[in-house]
N, C-alpha and C. Protein backbone atom coordinates (compact mmCIF):
# COMPACT_ATOMS: atom_id res chain seq x y z
N MET A 1 -25.94 174.93 88.19
CA MET A 1 -25.22 174.00 89.03
C MET A 1 -24.32 173.14 88.15
N ALA A 2 -23.05 173.12 88.44
CA ALA A 2 -22.08 172.37 87.65
C ALA A 2 -22.12 170.89 88.02
N ASN A 3 -21.84 170.06 87.04
CA ASN A 3 -21.73 168.62 87.31
C ASN A 3 -20.40 168.35 87.97
N GLU A 4 -20.43 167.69 89.10
CA GLU A 4 -19.21 167.33 89.80
C GLU A 4 -19.01 165.83 89.68
N ARG A 5 -17.75 165.43 89.62
CA ARG A 5 -17.41 164.01 89.59
C ARG A 5 -16.69 163.66 90.88
N PHE A 6 -17.01 162.49 91.40
CA PHE A 6 -16.42 162.03 92.64
C PHE A 6 -15.86 160.63 92.45
N ALA A 7 -14.80 160.33 93.18
CA ALA A 7 -14.18 159.01 93.10
C ALA A 7 -15.09 157.93 93.69
N SER A 8 -15.89 158.30 94.68
CA SER A 8 -16.83 157.35 95.28
C SER A 8 -18.04 158.11 95.79
N ILE A 9 -19.08 157.38 96.08
CA ILE A 9 -20.29 157.99 96.62
C ILE A 9 -19.99 158.68 97.95
N TRP A 10 -19.07 158.11 98.71
CA TRP A 10 -18.73 158.68 100.01
C TRP A 10 -18.10 160.06 99.85
N ASP A 11 -17.31 160.25 98.81
CA ASP A 11 -16.74 161.58 98.57
C ASP A 11 -17.84 162.60 98.29
N ALA A 12 -18.92 162.14 97.69
CA ALA A 12 -20.01 163.04 97.34
C ALA A 12 -20.88 163.40 98.55
N ILE A 13 -21.06 162.46 99.46
CA ILE A 13 -22.04 162.71 100.53
C ILE A 13 -21.44 163.05 101.89
N GLU A 14 -20.17 162.77 102.10
CA GLU A 14 -19.56 163.10 103.39
C GLU A 14 -19.00 164.52 103.37
N ASP A 15 -18.91 165.11 104.55
CA ASP A 15 -18.48 166.50 104.67
C ASP A 15 -16.99 166.72 104.47
N THR A 16 -16.19 165.72 104.84
CA THR A 16 -14.74 165.89 104.75
C THR A 16 -14.10 164.68 104.08
N PRO A 17 -12.91 164.85 103.52
CA PRO A 17 -12.20 163.70 102.95
C PRO A 17 -11.92 162.62 103.99
N GLU A 18 -11.69 163.01 105.24
CA GLU A 18 -11.43 162.05 106.30
C GLU A 18 -12.65 161.17 106.57
N GLN A 19 -13.81 161.80 106.62
CA GLN A 19 -15.05 161.04 106.83
C GLN A 19 -15.32 160.11 105.65
N ALA A 20 -15.06 160.58 104.44
CA ALA A 20 -15.27 159.76 103.26
C ALA A 20 -14.35 158.55 103.27
N ALA A 21 -13.10 158.74 103.65
CA ALA A 21 -12.14 157.63 103.71
C ALA A 21 -12.59 156.59 104.75
N ASN A 22 -13.05 157.06 105.89
CA ASN A 22 -13.52 156.16 106.93
C ASN A 22 -14.71 155.35 106.43
N MET A 23 -15.64 156.01 105.77
CA MET A 23 -16.83 155.32 105.27
C MET A 23 -16.48 154.33 104.16
N ARG A 24 -15.54 154.67 103.30
CA ARG A 24 -15.11 153.72 102.26
C ARG A 24 -14.57 152.44 102.88
N LEU A 25 -13.74 152.59 103.90
CA LEU A 25 -13.18 151.41 104.56
C LEU A 25 -14.26 150.61 105.29
N ARG A 26 -15.14 151.31 105.98
CA ARG A 26 -16.21 150.62 106.70
C ARG A 26 -17.13 149.87 105.74
N SER A 27 -17.49 150.50 104.64
CA SER A 27 -18.40 149.84 103.70
C SER A 27 -17.74 148.62 103.06
N LYS A 28 -16.46 148.73 102.74
CA LYS A 28 -15.77 147.58 102.16
C LYS A 28 -15.71 146.41 103.13
N LEU A 29 -15.36 146.69 104.38
CA LEU A 29 -15.32 145.63 105.38
C LEU A 29 -16.70 145.03 105.62
N MET A 30 -17.73 145.86 105.65
CA MET A 30 -19.08 145.34 105.86
C MET A 30 -19.49 144.42 104.72
N MET A 31 -19.16 144.77 103.49
CA MET A 31 -19.51 143.90 102.37
C MET A 31 -18.78 142.57 102.45
N ILE A 32 -17.50 142.62 102.77
CA ILE A 32 -16.71 141.39 102.88
C ILE A 32 -17.23 140.50 104.01
N LEU A 33 -17.51 141.11 105.16
CA LEU A 33 -18.02 140.34 106.29
C LEU A 33 -19.41 139.78 106.00
N GLY A 34 -20.24 140.57 105.35
CA GLY A 34 -21.58 140.08 105.00
C GLY A 34 -21.50 138.88 104.07
N GLU A 35 -20.60 138.93 103.10
CA GLU A 35 -20.43 137.79 102.19
C GLU A 35 -19.93 136.56 102.94
N ARG A 36 -19.01 136.76 103.90
CA ARG A 36 -18.50 135.63 104.68
C ARG A 36 -19.63 134.98 105.46
N VAL A 37 -20.44 135.81 106.13
CA VAL A 37 -21.56 135.27 106.92
C VAL A 37 -22.51 134.50 106.02
N LYS A 38 -22.84 135.04 104.86
CA LYS A 38 -23.75 134.34 103.94
C LYS A 38 -23.15 133.02 103.48
N SER A 39 -21.83 132.99 103.29
CA SER A 39 -21.18 131.76 102.81
C SER A 39 -21.23 130.64 103.85
N TRP A 40 -21.37 131.00 105.12
CA TRP A 40 -21.47 129.99 106.16
C TRP A 40 -22.78 129.22 106.07
N ASN A 41 -23.79 129.83 105.48
CA ASN A 41 -25.10 129.19 105.33
C ASN A 41 -25.64 128.68 106.68
N VAL A 42 -25.59 129.56 107.67
CA VAL A 42 -26.08 129.24 109.01
C VAL A 42 -27.08 130.31 109.43
N SER A 43 -27.75 130.07 110.53
CA SER A 43 -28.69 131.07 111.04
C SER A 43 -27.92 132.30 111.52
N GLN A 44 -28.64 133.41 111.66
CA GLN A 44 -28.02 134.61 112.18
C GLN A 44 -27.55 134.42 113.62
N ALA A 45 -28.27 133.60 114.37
CA ALA A 45 -27.86 133.31 115.75
C ALA A 45 -26.52 132.58 115.76
N GLU A 46 -26.36 131.61 114.86
CA GLU A 46 -25.09 130.88 114.78
C GLU A 46 -23.98 131.79 114.27
N ALA A 47 -24.28 132.61 113.29
CA ALA A 47 -23.28 133.56 112.79
C ALA A 47 -22.86 134.50 113.92
N GLY A 48 -23.81 134.92 114.73
CA GLY A 48 -23.50 135.78 115.87
C GLY A 48 -22.58 135.08 116.85
N ARG A 49 -22.82 133.81 117.09
CA ARG A 49 -21.95 133.05 118.00
C ARG A 49 -20.52 133.02 117.45
N ARG A 50 -20.39 132.82 116.16
CA ARG A 50 -19.05 132.77 115.54
C ARG A 50 -18.35 134.12 115.58
N LEU A 51 -19.13 135.19 115.46
CA LEU A 51 -18.55 136.54 115.42
C LEU A 51 -18.49 137.22 116.78
N GLY A 52 -19.12 136.61 117.77
CA GLY A 52 -19.18 137.25 119.09
C GLY A 52 -20.18 138.39 119.12
N LEU A 53 -21.26 138.25 118.35
CA LEU A 53 -22.31 139.27 118.26
C LEU A 53 -23.65 138.67 118.64
N THR A 54 -24.60 139.54 118.93
CA THR A 54 -25.98 139.08 119.08
C THR A 54 -26.59 138.93 117.69
N GLN A 55 -27.69 138.19 117.62
CA GLN A 55 -28.38 138.02 116.34
C GLN A 55 -28.83 139.35 115.75
N PRO A 56 -29.37 140.28 116.57
CA PRO A 56 -29.75 141.58 115.98
C PRO A 56 -28.57 142.34 115.37
N ARG A 57 -27.39 142.21 115.98
CA ARG A 57 -26.21 142.89 115.42
C ARG A 57 -25.80 142.23 114.10
N VAL A 58 -25.93 140.92 114.00
CA VAL A 58 -25.65 140.23 112.73
C VAL A 58 -26.62 140.75 111.68
N ASN A 59 -27.87 140.91 112.05
CA ASN A 59 -28.86 141.43 111.11
C ASN A 59 -28.47 142.83 110.65
N ASP A 60 -28.00 143.67 111.56
CA ASP A 60 -27.53 145.01 111.19
C ASP A 60 -26.39 144.92 110.18
N LEU A 61 -25.48 143.99 110.40
CA LEU A 61 -24.36 143.79 109.48
C LEU A 61 -24.85 143.38 108.10
N LEU A 62 -25.74 142.40 108.07
CA LEU A 62 -26.24 141.88 106.79
C LEU A 62 -27.11 142.89 106.05
N LYS A 63 -27.76 143.76 106.78
CA LYS A 63 -28.61 144.79 106.17
C LYS A 63 -27.81 146.03 105.78
N GLY A 64 -26.50 146.04 106.08
CA GLY A 64 -25.65 147.16 105.68
C GLY A 64 -25.86 148.41 106.50
N ARG A 65 -26.27 148.27 107.73
CA ARG A 65 -26.50 149.44 108.59
C ARG A 65 -25.15 149.97 109.09
N ILE A 66 -24.49 150.67 108.21
CA ILE A 66 -23.11 151.09 108.43
C ILE A 66 -22.94 152.00 109.64
N SER A 67 -23.95 152.79 109.96
CA SER A 67 -23.84 153.71 111.09
C SER A 67 -23.76 152.98 112.43
N LYS A 68 -24.07 151.70 112.44
CA LYS A 68 -24.06 150.94 113.68
C LYS A 68 -22.70 150.29 113.97
N PHE A 69 -21.73 150.46 113.04
CA PHE A 69 -20.43 149.81 113.20
C PHE A 69 -19.29 150.80 112.98
N SER A 70 -18.40 150.87 113.94
CA SER A 70 -17.20 151.69 113.77
C SER A 70 -16.18 150.89 112.96
N LEU A 71 -15.19 151.59 112.44
CA LEU A 71 -14.12 150.92 111.72
C LEU A 71 -13.41 149.94 112.64
N ASP A 72 -13.18 150.36 113.87
CA ASP A 72 -12.51 149.51 114.85
C ASP A 72 -13.31 148.22 115.09
N ALA A 73 -14.61 148.33 115.25
CA ALA A 73 -15.45 147.16 115.48
C ALA A 73 -15.40 146.20 114.29
N LEU A 74 -15.40 146.75 113.08
CA LEU A 74 -15.36 145.90 111.88
C LEU A 74 -14.02 145.19 111.74
N VAL A 75 -12.94 145.87 112.10
CA VAL A 75 -11.63 145.22 112.08
C VAL A 75 -11.64 144.05 113.08
N ASN A 76 -12.18 144.27 114.26
CA ASN A 76 -12.25 143.21 115.26
C ASN A 76 -13.11 142.05 114.77
N LEU A 77 -14.23 142.33 114.14
CA LEU A 77 -15.09 141.27 113.60
C LEU A 77 -14.37 140.47 112.51
N SER A 78 -13.52 141.14 111.77
CA SER A 78 -12.79 140.47 110.70
C SER A 78 -11.94 139.33 111.23
N THR A 79 -11.36 139.51 112.40
CA THR A 79 -10.55 138.42 112.97
C THR A 79 -11.43 137.23 113.35
N HIS A 80 -12.63 137.50 113.84
CA HIS A 80 -13.56 136.41 114.16
C HIS A 80 -14.01 135.68 112.90
N ALA A 81 -14.02 136.39 111.78
CA ALA A 81 -14.42 135.79 110.50
C ALA A 81 -13.22 135.16 109.78
N HIS A 82 -12.08 135.12 110.47
CA HIS A 82 -10.85 134.50 109.95
C HIS A 82 -10.27 135.26 108.76
N TYR A 83 -10.32 136.58 108.87
CA TYR A 83 -9.64 137.45 107.91
C TYR A 83 -8.48 138.13 108.61
N ARG A 84 -7.45 138.39 107.86
CA ARG A 84 -6.32 139.19 108.35
C ARG A 84 -6.38 140.50 107.58
N ILE A 85 -6.32 141.59 108.27
CA ILE A 85 -6.40 142.91 107.65
C ILE A 85 -5.00 143.41 107.35
N ASP A 86 -4.77 143.80 106.11
CA ASP A 86 -3.54 144.47 105.70
C ASP A 86 -3.92 145.86 105.22
N ILE A 87 -3.02 146.79 105.40
CA ILE A 87 -3.30 148.17 104.98
C ILE A 87 -2.38 148.53 103.83
N SER A 88 -2.97 149.12 102.82
CA SER A 88 -2.21 149.64 101.70
C SER A 88 -2.41 151.15 101.68
N VAL A 89 -1.31 151.87 101.74
CA VAL A 89 -1.38 153.34 101.74
C VAL A 89 -0.80 153.82 100.42
N VAL A 90 -1.58 154.61 99.70
CA VAL A 90 -1.18 155.10 98.39
C VAL A 90 -1.19 156.61 98.41
N GLU A 91 -0.11 157.20 97.96
CA GLU A 91 -0.03 158.66 97.94
C GLU A 91 -0.89 159.20 96.79
N GLU A 92 -1.69 160.19 97.12
CA GLU A 92 -2.52 160.85 96.12
C GLU A 92 -1.84 162.15 95.70
N GLU A 93 -2.19 162.61 94.51
CA GLU A 93 -1.70 163.91 94.08
C GLU A 93 -2.35 164.98 94.93
N ALA A 94 -1.59 165.94 95.32
CA ALA A 94 -2.14 167.05 96.11
C ALA A 94 -2.99 167.92 95.19
N THR A 95 -4.14 168.32 95.71
CA THR A 95 -5.00 169.23 94.96
C THR A 95 -4.68 170.66 95.38
N PRO A 96 -4.60 171.56 94.41
CA PRO A 96 -4.30 172.95 94.74
C PRO A 96 -5.38 173.53 95.64
N VAL A 97 -4.97 174.36 96.56
CA VAL A 97 -5.91 174.99 97.51
C VAL A 97 -6.46 176.25 96.96
């Protein structure tokens, strides 16, 4: 078995480059949102009120349960957390087929 190198863990475990890209974005947003919630130093119930979520959903966010959040949902939560999302698109070198 050859050693393979991957740009991220998502590239290693997801089936397609599209799924890996989606997971990279979701995980980054979840980390940022989790840090914001922690910085508020409030209960999960209060954080939920600020984000428009229930306390159990805040717990899912803080525990990193990525499968429970779509990219769209995380973008929407970002606005409640007073973040503005900008997109940077970078061209990659094409890999030979």
